[in-house]
Protein backbone atom coordinates (compact mmCIF):
# COMPACT_ATOMS: atom_id res chain seq x y z
CA MET A 1 24.56 -28.73 -10.96
CA ASN A 2 26.83 -26.49 -8.87
CA ASN A 3 27.04 -26.82 -5.12
CA LEU A 4 25.24 -23.50 -4.76
CA ASP A 5 22.03 -22.61 -2.95
CA ILE A 6 20.11 -19.51 -4.07
CA ILE A 7 18.03 -18.27 -1.15
CA PHE A 8 15.13 -16.09 -2.13
CA THR A 9 12.28 -14.57 -0.11
CA HIS A 10 9.14 -13.21 -1.72
CA PRO A 11 8.14 -10.06 0.25
CA GLY A 12 4.47 -10.54 -0.45
CA GLY A 13 2.23 -8.13 -2.34
CA ARG A 14 2.40 -7.03 -5.93
CA GLY A 15 5.27 -5.74 -8.02
CA TRP A 16 8.02 -8.20 -7.27
CA ALA A 17 7.87 -10.20 -10.50
CA PRO A 18 11.19 -8.75 -11.85
CA VAL A 19 13.02 -10.09 -8.77
CA VAL A 20 11.18 -13.43 -8.88
CA ARG A 21 12.32 -13.72 -12.49
CA LEU A 22 15.89 -12.89 -11.46
CA ALA A 23 15.92 -15.63 -8.80
CA HIS A 24 14.74 -18.21 -11.34
CA LEU A 25 17.15 -17.00 -14.03
CA ALA A 26 20.03 -17.10 -11.57
CA SER A 27 19.07 -20.63 -10.53
CA ASP A 28 19.03 -21.77 -14.16
CA LEU A 29 22.24 -20.05 -15.34
CA LEU A 30 24.27 -20.61 -12.17
CA GLU A 31 22.97 -24.24 -12.15
CA ALA A 32 21.97 -23.88 -8.49
CA ARG A 33 19.33 -25.18 -6.10
CA LEU A 34 16.63 -22.52 -5.51
CA LEU A 35 15.35 -22.31 -1.90
CA GLN A 36 12.22 -20.04 -1.83
CA TYR A 37 10.48 -18.53 1.16
CA THR A 38 7.56 -16.16 1.68
CA ASP A 39 7.95 -13.28 4.08
CA ALA A 40 5.71 -13.97 7.03
CA GLY A 41 7.83 -12.01 9.43
CA TYR A 42 10.87 -13.18 11.39
CA THR A 43 10.31 -14.46 14.88
CA LYS A 44 12.56 -13.57 17.80
CA ALA A 45 13.60 -17.26 18.01
CA LEU A 46 14.73 -17.27 14.39
CA LEU A 47 16.54 -13.96 14.68
CA ALA A 48 18.33 -15.28 17.77
CA ARG A 49 20.05 -17.79 15.54
CA GLY A 50 22.03 -14.88 14.13
CA LEU A 51 23.87 -14.66 17.45
CA LEU A 52 25.42 -18.08 16.79
CA PRO A 53 28.70 -18.33 14.94
CA PRO A 54 28.28 -18.97 11.21
CA LEU A 55 28.62 -22.63 10.13
CA ARG A 56 31.64 -22.97 7.89
CA GLY A 57 33.74 -25.68 6.37
CA GLY A 58 31.22 -27.39 4.13
CA ARG A 59 31.25 -27.83 0.36
CA ARG A 60 28.20 -25.75 -0.51
CA ARG A 61 27.96 -22.05 -1.23
CA ALA A 62 25.07 -19.67 -0.91
CA LEU A 63 23.73 -16.62 -2.71
CA VAL A 64 21.00 -14.69 -0.94
CA ILE A 65 18.89 -12.59 -3.27
CA ALA A 66 17.24 -10.16 -0.83
CA PRO A 67 14.48 -7.92 -2.22
CA SER A 68 14.91 -5.72 0.93
CA PRO A 69 17.62 -5.72 3.60
CA VAL A 70 15.42 -7.55 6.10
CA HIS A 71 15.39 -10.62 3.76
CA LEU A 72 19.04 -11.25 4.49
CA ASN A 73 17.58 -13.00 7.55
CA ALA A 74 16.61 -15.81 5.16
CA LEU A 75 20.05 -17.14 5.91
CA LEU A 76 18.60 -18.18 9.28
CA GLU A 77 15.73 -20.27 7.86
CA GLY A 78 15.73 -23.94 8.71
CA VAL A 79 17.17 -25.59 5.60
CA PRO A 80 20.13 -23.19 5.03
CA LEU A 81 21.00 -23.36 8.74
CA LEU A 82 21.70 -27.10 8.39
CA SER A 83 24.19 -26.45 5.58
CA ARG A 84 27.80 -25.58 6.22
CA TYR A 85 28.57 -22.94 3.59
CA GLU A 86 32.15 -22.37 2.57
CA ALA A 87 31.22 -19.02 1.03
CA VAL A 88 28.17 -16.77 1.33
CA ALA A 89 27.23 -13.98 -1.07
CA ALA A 90 24.25 -11.62 -0.74
CA TRP A 91 22.66 -9.32 -3.30
CA VAL A 92 20.33 -6.65 -1.87
CA ILE A 93 17.93 -5.20 -4.44
CA ASP A 94 16.34 -2.32 -2.46
CA SER A 95 19.69 -1.45 -1.02
CA PHE A 96 18.68 2.23 -0.50
CA TRP A 97 17.12 1.19 2.81
CA TRP A 98 20.50 1.06 4.55
CA GLU A 99 19.04 2.30 7.81
CA ARG A 100 17.31 -1.12 7.90
CA ILE A 101 20.43 -3.32 7.63
CA PRO A 102 19.68 -6.30 9.88
CA ARG A 103 21.91 -7.68 12.61
CA ILE A 104 22.89 -10.78 10.65
CA ALA A 105 24.57 -8.59 8.00
CA ARG A 106 26.36 -6.51 10.66
CA LYS A 107 27.89 -9.58 12.30
CA ARG A 108 31.41 -9.89 10.99
CA GLY A 109 32.26 -13.11 9.18
CA ARG A 110 28.69 -13.87 8.11
CA LEU A 111 29.01 -12.58 4.53
CA ASP A 112 31.95 -13.05 2.09
CA PHE A 113 30.54 -11.05 -0.80
CA LEU A 114 27.95 -8.34 -0.74
CA TYR A 115 26.33 -6.51 -3.68
CA VAL A 116 24.06 -3.49 -3.77
CA THR A 117 22.20 -1.94 -6.67
CA ASP A 118 23.34 1.65 -6.44
CA GLY A 119 26.81 3.17 -6.00
CA GLY A 120 25.36 5.71 -3.55
CA ASP A 121 24.62 2.88 -1.12
CA ARG A 122 27.99 1.15 -1.24
CA ASP A 123 29.86 3.10 1.50
CA HIS A 124 27.04 2.83 3.98
CA TRP A 125 26.78 -0.95 3.60
CA SER A 126 30.58 -1.35 3.75
CA GLU A 127 30.78 0.58 6.97
CA ALA A 128 27.93 -1.33 8.54
CA THR A 129 29.03 -4.83 7.51
CA GLY A 130 32.82 -4.67 7.21
CA VAL A 131 32.55 -6.24 3.73
CA ASP A 132 34.11 -4.77 0.55
CA VAL A 133 30.77 -4.09 -1.09
CA GLN A 134 30.37 -4.16 -4.88
CA VAL A 135 27.73 -2.60 -7.12
CA LEU A 136 25.55 -4.86 -9.22
CA PRO A 137 22.81 -2.53 -10.48
CA TRP A 138 19.28 -3.33 -11.54
CA GLY A 139 19.05 -5.40 -14.71
CA THR A 140 16.61 -7.14 -16.99
CA ASP A 141 16.37 -10.20 -19.19
CA THR A 142 16.98 -8.80 -22.68
CA LEU A 143 17.15 -12.23 -24.28
CA ARG A 144 13.51 -12.79 -23.31
CA VAL A 145 12.37 -9.86 -25.49
CA GLU A 146 10.83 -10.49 -28.90
CA PRO A 147 10.34 -7.20 -30.76
CA VAL A 148 6.78 -6.53 -31.95
CA LEU A 149 5.08 -3.70 -33.84
CA LYS A 150 4.84 -0.62 -31.65
CA THR A 151 1.30 0.72 -31.85
CA VAL A 152 0.98 2.63 -28.51
CA ASP A 153 2.45 6.13 -28.13
CA LEU A 154 2.32 6.27 -24.37
CA GLN A 155 2.02 3.39 -21.87
CA ARG A 156 1.37 3.97 -18.20
CA LEU A 157 3.30 1.63 -15.88
CA GLY A 158 3.23 1.53 -12.08
CA ARG A 159 2.88 4.29 -9.58
CA GLN A 160 2.37 7.83 -10.90
CA PRO A 161 2.12 11.31 -9.39
CA GLU A 162 -1.46 12.50 -8.76
CA SER A 163 -1.67 14.48 -11.95
CA TRP A 164 -0.98 11.35 -14.07
CA ASP A 165 -2.75 8.73 -11.94
CA ASP A 166 -6.20 8.90 -13.59
CA ASP A 167 -5.90 6.76 -16.70
CA VAL A 168 -9.27 7.93 -18.06
CA MET A 169 -8.39 11.58 -17.91
CA THR A 170 -4.88 10.98 -19.25
CA GLY A 171 -6.33 8.99 -22.13
CA LEU A 172 -8.80 11.73 -23.01
CA GLU A 173 -6.17 14.48 -23.00
CA ALA A 174 -3.70 12.30 -24.86
CA GLY A 175 -6.30 11.71 -27.58
CA GLU A 176 -6.74 15.52 -27.96
CA HIS A 177 -3.05 15.60 -28.82
CA GLY A 178 -3.40 12.77 -31.31
CA LEU A 179 -1.66 10.29 -29.04
CA VAL A 180 -2.59 6.65 -28.38
CA PHE A 181 -2.52 6.03 -24.60
CA LYS A 182 -2.94 2.84 -22.68
CA GLY A 183 -3.54 2.61 -18.93
CA ARG A 184 -2.00 0.24 -16.37
CA PRO A 185 -1.65 -3.41 -17.47
CA ARG A 186 -4.14 -5.86 -15.97
CA PHE A 187 -3.29 -7.58 -12.71
CA GLU A 188 -3.53 -11.39 -12.38
CA PRO A 189 -3.46 -13.64 -9.34
CA THR A 190 0.31 -14.14 -9.48
CA ASP A 191 3.22 -11.82 -10.14
CA LEU A 192 4.49 -13.79 -13.13
CA GLU A 193 1.08 -13.89 -14.80
CA SER A 194 0.72 -10.17 -14.31
CA GLN A 195 4.21 -9.65 -15.74
CA LEU A 196 3.16 -11.22 -19.03
CA HIS A 197 0.68 -8.33 -19.49
CA VAL A 198 3.50 -5.92 -18.62
CA ASP A 199 5.79 -7.52 -21.22
CA ASP A 200 3.06 -7.22 -23.86
CA ALA A 201 2.38 -3.58 -23.02
CA LEU A 202 6.08 -2.63 -23.03
CA GLY A 203 6.58 -4.41 -26.28
CA ARG A 204 3.95 -2.28 -28.02
CA ALA A 205 4.89 1.05 -26.43
CA LYS A 206 7.04 3.77 -27.95
CA PHE A 207 7.14 5.71 -24.65
CA VAL A 208 6.50 4.45 -21.07
CA LEU A 209 5.37 6.86 -18.33
CA ALA A 210 7.44 6.65 -15.13
CA PHE A 211 8.48 9.17 -12.46
CA SER A 212 11.14 9.02 -9.81
CA ASN A 213 9.92 8.43 -6.28
CA GLY A 214 11.40 11.88 -5.56
CA MET A 215 8.51 13.48 -7.54
CA HIS A 216 5.72 12.10 -5.33
CA ASP A 217 5.22 10.25 -2.07
CA ALA A 218 3.67 6.81 -2.54
CA GLY A 219 3.85 5.88 1.15
CA TYR A 220 5.97 2.73 0.59
CA THR A 221 8.80 4.46 -1.29
CA HIS A 222 11.86 5.96 0.40
CA PRO A 223 11.09 9.48 1.54
CA VAL A 224 14.48 10.93 0.71
CA ARG A 225 16.66 8.65 -1.48
CA GLU A 226 15.82 8.31 -5.19
CA TYR A 227 16.54 5.07 -7.00
CA LEU A 228 16.20 3.26 -10.33
CA THR A 229 13.67 0.42 -10.51
CA ALA A 230 12.55 -2.34 -12.90
CA ARG A 231 10.22 0.00 -14.77
CA TRP A 232 13.15 1.78 -16.44
CA VAL A 233 15.28 -1.23 -17.32
CA ASP A 234 12.39 -3.43 -18.48
CA SER A 235 11.01 -0.64 -20.67
CA LEU A 236 14.42 -0.10 -22.28
CA ALA A 237 14.85 -3.81 -22.90
CA HIS A 238 11.69 -3.60 -25.01
CA GLY A 239 13.01 -0.57 -26.85
CA ALA A 240 10.65 1.94 -25.26
CA VAL A 241 11.78 5.38 -24.15
CA VAL A 242 10.96 6.16 -20.52
CA ALA A 243 9.06 9.48 -20.31
CA GLY A 244 8.71 11.33 -17.01
CA VAL A 245 11.46 12.26 -14.55
CA ALA A 246 14.36 9.88 -13.98
CA PRO A 247 15.67 9.35 -10.45
CA ASN A 248 18.61 11.39 -9.18
CA SER A 249 20.82 8.43 -8.35
CA ALA A 250 24.20 7.00 -9.21
CA ALA A 251 22.67 4.01 -11.01
CA ALA A 252 20.53 6.24 -13.23
CA ASP A 253 23.46 8.58 -14.04
CA TYR A 254 25.73 5.66 -15.00
CA LEU A 255 23.34 3.29 -16.72
CA LEU A 256 20.94 5.54 -18.72
CA TRP A 257 22.24 6.74 -22.05
CA ALA A 258 21.23 9.75 -24.11
CA GLY A 259 17.87 8.95 -25.63
CA ALA A 260 16.91 6.40 -23.02
CA THR A 261 14.59 8.84 -21.29
CA LEU A 262 12.44 11.86 -22.17
CA ASP A 263 12.40 14.44 -19.43
CA LEU A 264 8.91 15.86 -19.07
CA GLY A 265 10.24 18.68 -16.83
CA GLY A 266 7.91 17.91 -13.94
CA THR A 267 4.52 16.32 -13.21
CA ASN A 268 2.25 18.76 -15.05
CA ARG A 269 0.14 16.62 -17.40
CA ALA A 270 -0.64 19.24 -19.97
CA GLU A 271 2.97 20.28 -20.37
CA GLY A 272 4.08 16.64 -20.41
CA LEU A 273 1.60 15.68 -23.17
CA ALA A 274 2.77 18.63 -25.26
CA ARG A 275 6.38 17.41 -25.01
CA LEU A 276 5.32 13.87 -25.80
CA LYS A 277 3.45 14.97 -28.91
CA ASP A 278 6.71 16.39 -30.29
CA ALA A 279 8.70 13.38 -29.25
CA VAL A 280 6.30 10.91 -30.85
CA ALA A 281 6.38 12.86 -34.06
CA ALA A 282 10.18 12.46 -34.12
CA TRP A 283 10.12 8.82 -33.10
CA THR A 284 11.27 6.12 -35.59
CA PRO A 285 11.71 2.33 -35.32
CA ALA A 286 15.44 2.98 -35.15
CA THR A 287 14.81 4.60 -31.72
CA ALA A 288 13.51 1.34 -30.37
CA GLU A 289 16.27 -0.74 -31.88
CA ARG A 290 19.00 1.48 -30.41
CA ASN A 291 17.39 1.19 -26.92
CA ARG A 292 17.19 -2.57 -27.26
CA SER A 293 20.82 -2.72 -28.36
CA GLU A 294 22.08 -0.54 -25.50
CA ALA A 295 20.02 -2.53 -23.02
CA ARG A 296 21.68 -5.76 -24.12
CA LYS A 297 25.08 -4.18 -23.59
CA ARG A 298 24.40 -2.44 -20.27
CA LEU A 299 21.40 -3.84 -18.51
CA ASP A 300 21.13 -7.61 -18.92
CA TRP A 301 21.15 -9.64 -15.74
CA ARG A 302 23.75 -12.05 -17.24
CA HIS A 303 26.43 -9.39 -16.95
CA ARG A 304 25.73 -9.19 -13.22
CA LEU A 305 25.53 -12.95 -12.78
CA LYS A 306 28.96 -13.31 -14.42
CA VAL A 307 30.46 -11.30 -11.61
CA ILE A 308 28.87 -13.53 -9.00
CA SER A 309 29.94 -16.72 -10.78
CA HIS A 310 33.52 -15.39 -10.87
CA ASP A 311 33.46 -14.44 -7.15
CA LEU A 312 32.04 -17.81 -6.05
CA GLU A 313 34.33 -19.67 -8.49
CA LEU A 314 31.48 -21.47 -10.23
CA ALA A 315 31.60 -23.41 -13.50
CA THR A 316 28.66 -22.04 -15.48
CA PRO A 317 28.62 -23.22 -19.13
CA ALA A 318 25.00 -22.24 -19.62
CA LEU A 319 25.73 -18.69 -18.47
CA GLU A 320 28.83 -18.54 -20.66
CA ARG A 321 26.80 -19.52 -23.67
CA GLU A 322 24.10 -16.92 -23.11
CA ALA A 323 26.56 -14.18 -22.11
CA SER A 324 28.35 -14.71 -25.43
CA LYS A 325 25.22 -13.49 -27.18
CA LEU A 326 25.41 -10.11 -25.50
CA VAL A 327 27.57 -7.41 -27.00
CA CYS A 328 29.93 -5.61 -24.64
CA GLU A 329 32.65 -4.09 -26.87
CA SER A 330 30.97 -0.71 -27.45
CA LEU A 331 30.29 0.28 -23.82
CA ARG A 332 31.52 3.72 -23.03
CA PRO A 333 33.50 4.21 -19.84
CA THR A 334 31.48 4.61 -16.64
CA GLU A 335 32.25 5.08 -12.99
CA TYR A 336 31.24 1.46 -12.37
CA PRO A 337 34.09 -1.05 -12.63
CA CYS A 338 33.81 -2.65 -16.05
CA ARG A 339 33.56 -6.09 -14.49
CA THR A 340 30.18 -5.03 -13.08
CA LEU A 341 28.82 -4.50 -16.58
CA CYS A 342 30.76 -6.86 -18.79
CA PRO A 343 31.19 -10.62 -18.57
CA PRO A 344 34.77 -11.59 -17.56
CA GLY A 345 36.50 -13.19 -20.51
CA LEU A 346 34.79 -10.98 -23.13
CA LYS A 347 36.45 -7.93 -24.50
CA THR A 348 35.91 -5.08 -22.06
CA LEU A 349 36.87 -1.50 -21.49
CA PRO A 350 39.89 -0.85 -19.29
CA GLU A 351 39.00 -0.28 -15.63
CA ARG A 352 39.69 3.17 -14.27
């Protein structure tokens, strides 16, 4: 096992299973100790610890996987505070909330490496923290996927604009177009149990319905900035095409390939179903296989974890073995540095 602590806080509520999976996958492949917390709020006494100088000089290293910026405060929890870390890295998933960067991240010398999930967030975080921020975008576990027969034309997943939110009405109208529609997957008591239903639904779907947060206000989404989420990358890992409206963001522009999405032109359900009818008629199993292949090259978490293992100078034979299964040679150039997308040591594209 490496001398690495992975510090992860569950924000509470539903919908965080993809990040929970990432924390466990990172712990396994980086051969690290996983320290898990539940967000019950941060007391003034705990936040005051951030005023103290960081403890340095020890042998252990830390990676904070922060679902939201506030969860960088997990560095101040009891167990990590007792450890003297020689290097601290942090990966902020919902990095678009850069107006919520906590004081601990703004304190110089607290973080050695900082990663955000969208290139549009990088400069704001760099300015606030003084760290040379890197982009490690949203990913997925493509090696977990086992292809199954696709029997559903359109699968609803997650939040939807009002016109698509009624699964009964959508199902009735889809049937009138000759389409097989399935509503939201069943919720279970825990995130990971619910995610099994999501995996099953995505595996059987040809198209998955998802709209950018810019198309409707869900209350808990960012009111201005659009961003890619797990719905897109998980759907593509299972070979499904994401139908709806993709977010207007750097991550979406750089990671989504031609054919990964079907633009429905807006939120009008009747118009969208008409476009879907034509797209389903043109769909073939090769469509799904191409998406699965591209997802392995571009979206797998292991590509991101390779960057972290390199930065923290970790020996990770388990990660090396699994990364070797992922194909990286055929990636087209992107604005992201190739080291963000491709495991160091494998054949990669030249950096720009």
